[in-house]
Each structure stands twice: as C-alpha cells, then as structure tokens.
Amino acid sequence: MELGEIMEKILIIEDDNSIREGLKYYLEQEKYEVIDVKDGSQALLALTNNMNTSIVLLDINLPDINGFDLFPRLKRIVNVPIIFLTASDLEVSIVRGLDMGADDYITKPFKARELLSRIKTVLRRVNNNSNCFNIHNITIDLNQAKVLKNGKDVMLTALEYKILLSFALNPNIVFTREKILADVWDVEEEYVSDNTLTVYIKRIREKIEDDPTNPKIIITVRGIGYKLGDYYVGE
C-alpha cells in the first residue's frame, strides 16, 4: 500500500495563497488529508487541534513570525517531522534549518512531484519498521549492526558505522559537518574533530564506494557538508 493511501495528514503553513492552495489541491489528489494555514498563530492552533498530523510543510517567511522561530514552538506541541519551504538557497538559511533539526528543506520554486517525493521519503523513514537499509550495492543491517557490500561484510569501526547510518536514516538531508559531529560524538568515545571527520569520511568511502575518488554513496555538498547519493533505494 502506498503511503498516500492511508490518509497521512499534512499541515501546510504558507502565506502565499496560490502556493498553499495549489499544494493542497495536489496533495489531496494524492490521497493525503491536508490542513492549510497562512500564518504562525493559525499553525499553532491547527497543530494543537490535530495532534495526529503526520508531517508539516513550513514556510520560513510568514507574516507574523519567522519560520525558524515557529519551528521549536511546533515541536513542543508534537514532535512531528518538518520540511522547510524556503525562497532562499543561501547556505546560511539551509544550514540553520538543518542544524535546528529540520527533516528536509526544499527551495522555491519547486515542482510538486519533487516535494511529494521528499514527503514520502520523510514519512517512509518515520514509519519504517524494516531493520535493513539498501543503498545501491550496500546493505545496512540494524539488527546485527553490520554493513554488507555485494553481500560481503564490510569492516567498519563503530564511529564509521554511526556516520554511515546517519546518512542512511536521512536520505534527503544535507548534513553539515557540525551536525555529523553532534550526531556521532559520544562521551564514552574519542572526540571527533572537524579534521578527523574528513579522515573518517575518506575511510568510509574507501570501504563502501566502487570508486572512492568519484563517490556515489556519500556525496560532498560544497560549502555545507555531505549527503547520501541520489540513488538511495531504502526498504
């Protein structure tokens, strides 16, 4: 069954009437239940009255509050996945959203089908009961905490495994270097510096990529960090 067939509920927070109404119509055609509001105060009330909301589409530029400021207030009501809608592709905006914990972001103008793909990916990750992730010829087995390449074991250290798993669990997210460090650092393990992270990424690529000099699984996003390759094919 497709995710859209189980009536996932989406809250759209967007002050541009044409964009909001267009998204509402499109997503309803895809069998989603849609609630749409135009500002932050309406959003807080809508989410309070719809605690079973599956995902939020949050515009950054709202008439009464900045989307970045609204984000934590929404999260305090219910820890729902949030995708930022932004008119800016500036690195500072993207990095700020990701560092806050956004599940994804998409820059306007965007195609409705692209946004739909992002929504499905986030919902799939949230609803995923599978204990394996497939990335091209790589399999990550969560039950056994091991990685296979073409069916053969890949020997990763604990930190290498954590880093790769972060990418697998968030296939559409561009990870800043700071976010990776925050996600993998553990008080019981050695501290990973920014320079050390570069070495870890290099080592992971050498173990999982067919051609480490031309990586397809862990991609460098210049000026920001890293992301999973576009041919992710999760369970």
C-alpha atoms as a PDB file:
ATOM      1  CA  MET A   1       0.000   0.000   0.000  1.00  0.00           C
ATOM      2  CA  GLU A   2       1.316   3.445  -0.883  1.00  0.00           C
ATOM      3  CA  LEU A   3       1.714   5.926   1.954  1.00  0.00           C
ATOM      4  CA  GLY A   4      -0.769   8.250   0.290  1.00  0.00           C
ATOM      5  CA  GLU A   5      -3.484   5.580   0.514  1.00  0.00           C
ATOM      6  CA  ILE A   6      -3.537   5.550   4.314  1.00  0.00           C
ATOM      7  CA  MET A   7      -4.568   9.204   4.588  1.00  0.00           C
ATOM      8  CA  GLU A   8      -1.500  10.684   6.202  1.00  0.00           C
ATOM      9  CA  LYS A   9      -2.314  14.157   7.484  1.00  0.00           C
ATOM     10  CA  ILE A  10      -0.230  17.112   6.282  1.00  0.00           C
ATOM     11  CA  LEU A  11      -0.192  20.628   7.741  1.00  0.00           C
ATOM     12  CA  ILE A  12       0.820  23.319   5.236  1.00  0.00           C
ATOM     13  CA  ILE A  13       1.961  26.642   6.718  1.00  0.00           C
ATOM     14  CA  GLU A  14       2.321  29.045   3.798  1.00  0.00           C
ATOM     15  CA  ASP A  15       1.190  32.665   3.413  1.00  0.00           C
ATOM     16  CA  ASP A  16       1.212  32.695  -0.394  1.00  0.00           C
ATOM     17  CA  ASN A  17      -2.363  31.791  -1.303  1.00  0.00           C
ATOM     18  CA  SER A  18      -1.550  30.412  -4.753  1.00  0.00           C
ATOM     19  CA  ILE A  19       1.211  28.160  -3.468  1.00  0.00           C
ATOM     20  CA  ARG A  20      -0.801  26.975  -0.467  1.00  0.00           C
ATOM     21  CA  GLU A  21      -3.958  26.253  -2.439  1.00  0.00           C
ATOM     22  CA  GLY A  22      -2.007  24.602  -5.250  1.00  0.00           C
ATOM     23  CA  LEU A  23      -0.192  22.308  -2.824  1.00  0.00           C
ATOM     24  CA  LYS A  24      -3.424  21.488  -1.004  1.00  0.00           C
ATOM     25  CA  TYR A  25      -5.152  20.502  -4.236  1.00  0.00           C
ATOM     26  CA  TYR A  26      -2.213  18.438  -5.470  1.00  0.00           C
ATOM     27  CA  LEU A  27      -1.683  16.576  -2.197  1.00  0.00           C
ATOM     28  CA  GLU A  28      -5.384  15.851  -1.822  1.00  0.00           C
ATOM     29  CA  GLN A  29      -5.320  14.319  -5.297  1.00  0.00           C
ATOM     30  CA  GLU A  30      -2.538  12.087  -3.956  1.00  0.00           C
ATOM     31  CA  LYS A  31      -4.943  10.959  -1.191  1.00  0.00           C
ATOM     32  CA  TYR A  32      -3.447  12.925   1.685  1.00  0.00           C
ATOM     33  CA  GLU A  33      -5.563  14.760   4.236  1.00  0.00           C
ATOM     34  CA  VAL A  34      -4.451  18.400   4.158  1.00  0.00           C
ATOM     35  CA  ILE A  35      -4.830  21.248   6.638  1.00  0.00           C
ATOM     36  CA  ASP A  36      -3.624  24.604   5.325  1.00  0.00           C
ATOM     37  CA  VAL A  37      -2.965  27.824   7.252  1.00  0.00           C
ATOM     38  CA  LYS A  38      -1.356  31.136   6.337  1.00  0.00           C
ATOM     39  CA  ASP A  39       0.485  32.216   9.478  1.00  0.00           C
ATOM     40  CA  GLY A  40       2.113  31.084  12.696  1.00  0.00           C
ATOM     41  CA  SER A  41      -0.783  31.701  15.076  1.00  0.00           C
ATOM     42  CA  GLN A  42      -3.114  29.637  12.900  1.00  0.00           C
ATOM     43  CA  ALA A  43      -0.449  26.933  12.653  1.00  0.00           C
ATOM     44  CA  LEU A  44      -0.100  26.568  16.432  1.00  0.00           C
ATOM     45  CA  LEU A  45      -3.869  26.247  16.821  1.00  0.00           C
ATOM     46  CA  ALA A  46      -4.180  23.812  13.898  1.00  0.00           C
ATOM     47  CA  LEU A  47      -1.435  21.543  15.223  1.00  0.00           C
ATOM     48  CA  THR A  48      -2.894  21.625  18.753  1.00  0.00           C
ATOM     49  CA  ASN A  49      -6.231  20.509  17.330  1.00  0.00           C
ATOM     50  CA  ASN A  50      -4.645  17.881  15.071  1.00  0.00           C
ATOM     51  CA  MET A  51      -2.079  16.066  17.188  1.00  0.00           C
ATOM     52  CA  ASN A  52      -2.120  13.151  14.729  1.00  0.00           C
ATOM     53  CA  THR A  53      -0.574  15.291  11.981  1.00  0.00           C
ATOM     54  CA  SER A  54       1.992  13.218  10.088  1.00  0.00           C
ATOM     55  CA  ILE A  55       4.192  15.975   8.682  1.00  0.00           C
ATOM     56  CA  VAL A  56       4.422  19.779   8.487  1.00  0.00           C
ATOM     57  CA  LEU A  57       5.426  21.894   5.494  1.00  0.00           C
ATOM     58  CA  LEU A  58       6.724  25.146   6.998  1.00  0.00           C
ATOM     59  CA  ASP A  59       7.384  28.307   5.027  1.00  0.00           C
ATOM     60  CA  ILE A  60      10.209  30.376   6.519  1.00  0.00           C
ATOM     61  CA  ASN A  61       8.803  33.814   5.635  1.00  0.00           C
ATOM     62  CA  LEU A  62       5.455  34.154   7.400  1.00  0.00           C
ATOM     63  CA  PRO A  63       3.621  37.440   8.078  1.00  0.00           C
ATOM     64  CA  ASP A  64       3.562  37.166  11.882  1.00  0.00           C
ATOM     65  CA  ILE A  65       6.610  35.045  12.770  1.00  0.00           C
ATOM     66  CA  ASN A  66       9.779  33.725  11.187  1.00  0.00           C
ATOM     67  CA  GLY A  67       9.593  30.029  10.355  1.00  0.00           C
ATOM     68  CA  PHE A  68      12.820  29.401  12.251  1.00  0.00           C
ATOM     69  CA  ASP A  69      11.220  30.867  15.389  1.00  0.00           C
ATOM     70  CA  LEU A  70       7.994  28.933  14.849  1.00  0.00           C
ATOM     71  CA  PHE A  71       9.815  25.632  14.405  1.00  0.00           C
ATOM     72  CA  PRO A  72      10.595  24.936  18.125  1.00  0.00           C
ATOM     73  CA  ARG A  73       7.106  26.036  19.159  1.00  0.00           C
ATOM     74  CA  LEU A  74       5.574  23.473  16.807  1.00  0.00           C
ATOM     75  CA  LYS A  75       7.957  20.804  18.078  1.00  0.00           C
ATOM     76  CA  ARG A  76       6.865  21.497  21.661  1.00  0.00           C
ATOM     77  CA  ILE A  77       3.259  20.703  20.712  1.00  0.00           C
ATOM     78  CA  VAL A  78       4.109  17.432  18.980  1.00  0.00           C
ATOM     79  CA  ASN A  79       7.407  16.086  17.673  1.00  0.00           C
ATOM     80  CA  VAL A  80       6.233  15.948  14.070  1.00  0.00           C
ATOM     81  CA  PRO A  81       8.569  15.805  11.044  1.00  0.00           C
ATOM     82  CA  ILE A  82       9.007  19.245   9.444  1.00  0.00           C
ATOM     83  CA  ILE A  83      10.112  20.196   5.932  1.00  0.00           C
ATOM     84  CA  PHE A  84      11.111  23.832   5.433  1.00  0.00           C
ATOM     85  CA  LEU A  85       9.847  25.666   2.352  1.00  0.00           C
ATOM     86  CA  THR A  86      12.303  28.447   1.588  1.00  0.00           C
ATOM     87  CA  ALA A  87      12.638  31.086  -1.104  1.00  0.00           C
ATOM     88  CA  SER A  88      16.350  31.348  -0.332  1.00  0.00           C
ATOM     89  CA  ASP A  89      19.022  28.909  -1.428  1.00  0.00           C
ATOM     90  CA  LEU A  90      21.661  30.720   0.623  1.00  0.00           C
ATOM     91  CA  GLU A  91      23.886  28.347   2.555  1.00  0.00           C
ATOM     92  CA  VAL A  92      23.224  30.173   5.828  1.00  0.00           C
ATOM     93  CA  SER A  93      19.474  29.516   5.574  1.00  0.00           C
ATOM     94  CA  ILE A  94      19.931  25.871   4.639  1.00  0.00           C
ATOM     95  CA  VAL A  95      22.484  25.236   7.370  1.00  0.00           C
ATOM     96  CA  ARG A  96      20.384  26.973  10.010  1.00  0.00           C
ATOM     97  CA  GLY A  97      17.342  24.864   9.190  1.00  0.00           C
ATOM     98  CA  LEU A  98      19.277  21.606   9.224  1.00  0.00           C
ATOM     99  CA  ASP A  99      21.078  22.467  12.435  1.00  0.00           C
ATOM    100  CA  MET A 100      17.720  23.134  14.105  1.00  0.00           C
ATOM    101  CA  GLY A 101      16.660  19.581  13.303  1.00  0.00           C
ATOM    102  CA  ALA A 102      14.534  20.025  10.190  1.00  0.00           C
ATOM    103  CA  ASP A 103      13.840  16.740   8.413  1.00  0.00           C
ATOM    104  CA  ASP A 104      14.354  18.304   4.990  1.00  0.00           C
ATOM    105  CA  TYR A 105      14.100  21.551   3.070  1.00  0.00           C
ATOM    106  CA  ILE A 106      13.093  22.492  -0.455  1.00  0.00           C
ATOM    107  CA  THR A 107      13.802  25.750  -2.272  1.00  0.00           C
ATOM    108  CA  LYS A 108      11.133  27.668  -4.179  1.00  0.00           C
ATOM    109  CA  PRO A 109      10.198  27.432  -6.948  1.00  0.00           C
ATOM    110  CA  PHE A 110       9.858  23.662  -6.813  1.00  0.00           C
ATOM    111  CA  LYS A 111       7.862  21.050  -8.673  1.00  0.00           C
ATOM    112  CA  ALA A 112       5.001  19.462  -6.765  1.00  0.00           C
ATOM    113  CA  ARG A 113       6.258  15.996  -7.668  1.00  0.00           C
ATOM    114  CA  GLU A 114       9.647  16.773  -6.167  1.00  0.00           C
ATOM    115  CA  LEU A 115       8.031  17.895  -2.912  1.00  0.00           C
ATOM    116  CA  LEU A 116       5.841  14.785  -2.918  1.00  0.00           C
ATOM    117  CA  SER A 117       8.959  12.645  -3.210  1.00  0.00           C
ATOM    118  CA  ARG A 118      10.518  14.469  -0.242  1.00  0.00           C
ATOM    119  CA  ILE A 119       7.347  13.988   1.810  1.00  0.00           C
ATOM    120  CA  LYS A 120       7.202  10.263   1.061  1.00  0.00           C
ATOM    121  CA  THR A 121      10.866   9.823   1.943  1.00  0.00           C
ATOM    122  CA  VAL A 122      10.458  11.507   5.322  1.00  0.00           C
ATOM    123  CA  LEU A 123       7.277   9.566   6.104  1.00  0.00           C
ATOM    124  CA  ARG A 124       8.900   6.330   4.990  1.00  0.00           C
ATOM    125  CA  ARG A 125      11.747   6.947   7.402  1.00  0.00           C
ATOM    126  CA  VAL A 126       9.356   7.736  10.257  1.00  0.00           C
ATOM    127  CA  ASN A 127       7.107   4.754   9.556  1.00  0.00           C
ATOM    128  CA  ASN A 128       9.841   2.356   8.521  1.00  0.00           C
ATOM    129  CA  ASN A 129       9.672  -0.877  10.504  1.00  0.00           C
ATOM    130  CA  SER A 130      12.383  -2.532   8.447  1.00  0.00           C
ATOM    131  CA  ASN A 131      15.702  -3.279  10.089  1.00  0.00           C
ATOM    132  CA  CYS A 132      17.686  -3.088   6.851  1.00  0.00           C
ATOM    133  CA  PHE A 133      18.562  -0.223   4.535  1.00  0.00           C
ATOM    134  CA  ASN A 134      19.780  -0.702   0.975  1.00  0.00           C
ATOM    135  CA  ILE A 135      21.926   1.909  -0.726  1.00  0.00           C
ATOM    136  CA  HIS A 136      22.832   0.690  -4.203  1.00  0.00           C
ATOM    137  CA  ASN A 137      25.012  -2.384  -3.531  1.00  0.00           C
ATOM    138  CA  ILE A 138      25.364  -1.599   0.195  1.00  0.00           C
ATOM    139  CA  THR A 139      23.110  -3.114   2.888  1.00  0.00           C
ATOM    140  CA  ILE A 140      22.991  -1.848   6.469  1.00  0.00           C
ATOM    141  CA  ASP A 141      21.631  -4.473   8.870  1.00  0.00           C
ATOM    142  CA  LEU A 142      20.423  -2.745  12.046  1.00  0.00           C
ATOM    143  CA  ASN A 143      19.785  -5.991  13.928  1.00  0.00           C
ATOM    144  CA  GLN A 144      23.387  -7.083  13.597  1.00  0.00           C
ATOM    145  CA  ALA A 145      24.900  -3.593  13.335  1.00  0.00           C
ATOM    146  CA  LYS A 146      26.870  -4.560  10.263  1.00  0.00           C
ATOM    147  CA  VAL A 147      27.334  -3.432   6.688  1.00  0.00           C
ATOM    148  CA  LEU A 148      27.456  -5.603   3.579  1.00  0.00           C
ATOM    149  CA  LYS A 149      28.765  -4.728   0.122  1.00  0.00           C
ATOM    150  CA  ASN A 150      27.573  -7.071  -2.608  1.00  0.00           C
ATOM    151  CA  GLY A 151      26.640  -9.479   0.176  1.00  0.00           C
ATOM    152  CA  LYS A 152      30.087  -9.463   1.810  1.00  0.00           C
ATOM    153  CA  ASP A 153      30.918  -7.977   5.205  1.00  0.00           C
ATOM    154  CA  VAL A 154      32.449  -4.517   5.292  1.00  0.00           C
ATOM    155  CA  MET A 155      34.542  -3.941   8.389  1.00  0.00           C
ATOM    156  CA  LEU A 156      33.640  -0.507   9.750  1.00  0.00           C
ATOM    157  CA  THR A 157      34.640   0.943  13.091  1.00  0.00           C
ATOM    158  CA  ALA A 158      31.871   1.986  15.499  1.00  0.00           C
ATOM    159  CA  LEU A 159      32.210   5.639  14.506  1.00  0.00           C
ATOM    160  CA  GLU A 160      32.318   4.851  10.788  1.00  0.00           C
ATOM    161  CA  TYR A 161      29.141   2.813  11.200  1.00  0.00           C
ATOM    162  CA  LYS A 162      27.409   5.646  13.090  1.00  0.00           C
ATOM    163  CA  ILE A 163      28.286   8.160  10.397  1.00  0.00           C
ATOM    164  CA  LEU A 164      27.056   5.932   7.564  1.00  0.00           C
ATOM    165  CA  LEU A 165      23.861   5.108   9.474  1.00  0.00           C
ATOM    166  CA  SER A 166      23.110   8.819   9.929  1.00  0.00           C
ATOM    167  CA  PHE A 167      23.121   9.234   6.149  1.00  0.00           C
ATOM    168  CA  ALA A 168      21.008   6.108   5.578  1.00  0.00           C
ATOM    169  CA  LEU A 169      18.348   7.242   8.042  1.00  0.00           C
ATOM    170  CA  ASN A 170      18.161  10.687   6.447  1.00  0.00           C
ATOM    171  CA  PRO A 171      18.472  10.176   2.668  1.00  0.00           C
ATOM    172  CA  ASN A 172      17.351  13.662   1.602  1.00  0.00           C
ATOM    173  CA  ILE A 173      19.186  15.663   4.242  1.00  0.00           C
ATOM    174  CA  VAL A 174      22.361  17.605   3.549  1.00  0.00           C
ATOM    175  CA  PHE A 175      24.372  17.152   6.740  1.00  0.00           C
ATOM    176  CA  THR A 176      26.548  19.994   7.903  1.00  0.00           C
ATOM    177  CA  ARG A 177      29.862  18.889   9.326  1.00  0.00           C
ATOM    178  CA  GLU A 178      28.739  20.253  12.693  1.00  0.00           C
ATOM    179  CA  LYS A 179      25.573  18.128  12.656  1.00  0.00           C
ATOM    180  CA  ILE A 180      27.522  14.974  11.830  1.00  0.00           C
ATOM    181  CA  LEU A 181      29.907  15.642  14.694  1.00  0.00           C
ATOM    182  CA  ALA A 182      26.990  16.256  17.074  1.00  0.00           C
ATOM    183  CA  ASP A 183      25.217  13.066  15.969  1.00  0.00           C
ATOM    184  CA  VAL A 184      28.171  10.683  16.274  1.00  0.00           C
ATOM    185  CA  TRP A 185      30.026  12.084  19.271  1.00  0.00           C
ATOM    186  CA  ASP A 186      29.627  10.026  22.444  1.00  0.00           C
ATOM    187  CA  VAL A 187      31.054  10.728  25.867  1.00  0.00           C
ATOM    188  CA  GLU A 188      32.376   7.184  26.025  1.00  0.00           C
ATOM    189  CA  GLU A 189      34.259   7.556  22.760  1.00  0.00           C
ATOM    190  CA  GLU A 190      37.066   9.724  21.496  1.00  0.00           C
ATOM    191  CA  TYR A 191      36.186  13.255  20.434  1.00  0.00           C
ATOM    192  CA  VAL A 192      36.000  13.633  16.660  1.00  0.00           C
ATOM    193  CA  SER A 193      37.373  16.948  15.409  1.00  0.00           C
ATOM    194  CA  ASP A 194      36.469  18.552  12.098  1.00  0.00           C
ATOM    195  CA  ASN A 195      39.753  17.396  10.548  1.00  0.00           C
ATOM    196  CA  THR A 196      39.279  13.898  11.918  1.00  0.00           C
ATOM    197  CA  LEU A 197      35.800  13.780  10.355  1.00  0.00           C
ATOM    198  CA  THR A 198      37.366  14.341   6.924  1.00  0.00           C
ATOM    199  CA  VAL A 199      39.579  11.319   7.530  1.00  0.00           C
ATOM    200  CA  TYR A 200      36.601   9.204   8.640  1.00  0.00           C
ATOM    201  CA  ILE A 201      34.592  10.120   5.536  1.00  0.00           C
ATOM    202  CA  LYS A 202      37.605   9.207   3.387  1.00  0.00           C
ATOM    203  CA  ARG A 203      37.955   5.834   5.113  1.00  0.00           C
ATOM    204  CA  ILE A 204      34.254   5.032   4.780  1.00  0.00           C
ATOM    205  CA  ARG A 205      34.369   5.845   1.083  1.00  0.00           C
ATOM    206  CA  GLU A 206      37.385   3.602   0.614  1.00  0.00           C
ATOM    207  CA  LYS A 207      35.414   0.730   2.135  1.00  0.00           C
ATOM    208  CA  ILE A 208      31.990   1.164   0.501  1.00  0.00           C
ATOM    209  CA  GLU A 209      32.459   3.074  -2.750  1.00  0.00           C
ATOM    210  CA  ASP A 210      33.253   1.324  -6.022  1.00  0.00           C
ATOM    211  CA  ASP A 211      35.457   4.304  -6.870  1.00  0.00           C
ATOM    212  CA  PRO A 212      36.356   6.340  -3.746  1.00  0.00           C
ATOM    213  CA  THR A 213      37.748   9.157  -5.924  1.00  0.00           C
ATOM    214  CA  ASN A 214      34.314   9.542  -7.553  1.00  0.00           C
ATOM    215  CA  PRO A 215      31.903   8.783  -4.683  1.00  0.00           C
ATOM    216  CA  LYS A 216      28.279   7.931  -5.417  1.00  0.00           C
ATOM    217  CA  ILE A 217      27.051   6.980  -1.936  1.00  0.00           C
ATOM    218  CA  ILE A 218      28.401   9.774   0.296  1.00  0.00           C
ATOM    219  CA  ILE A 219      28.394  12.975  -1.749  1.00  0.00           C
ATOM    220  CA  THR A 220      30.205  16.195  -0.850  1.00  0.00           C
ATOM    221  CA  VAL A 221      27.984  19.298  -0.939  1.00  0.00           C
ATOM    222  CA  ARG A 222      30.448  22.120  -1.371  1.00  0.00           C
ATOM    223  CA  GLY A 223      30.407  24.678   1.403  1.00  0.00           C
ATOM    224  CA  ILE A 224      27.878  22.765   3.518  1.00  0.00           C
ATOM    225  CA  GLY A 225      28.793  19.146   4.208  1.00  0.00           C
ATOM    226  CA  TYR A 226      27.671  15.771   2.896  1.00  0.00           C
ATOM    227  CA  LYS A 227      24.561  13.898   1.759  1.00  0.00           C
ATOM    228  CA  LEU A 228      23.531  10.449   0.599  1.00  0.00           C
ATOM    229  CA  GLY A 229      23.693   9.792  -3.135  1.00  0.00           C
ATOM    230  CA  ASP A 230      20.554  10.234  -5.210  1.00  0.00           C
ATOM    231  CA  TYR A 231      20.047   6.548  -5.956  1.00  0.00           C
ATOM    232  CA  TYR A 232      19.107   5.606  -2.411  1.00  0.00           C
ATOM    233  CA  VAL A 233      16.675   2.678  -2.560  1.00  0.00           C
ATOM    234  CA  GLY A 234      15.651   2.046   1.051  1.00  0.00           C
ATOM    235  CA  GLU A 235      13.361  -0.766   2.145  1.00  0.00           C
END
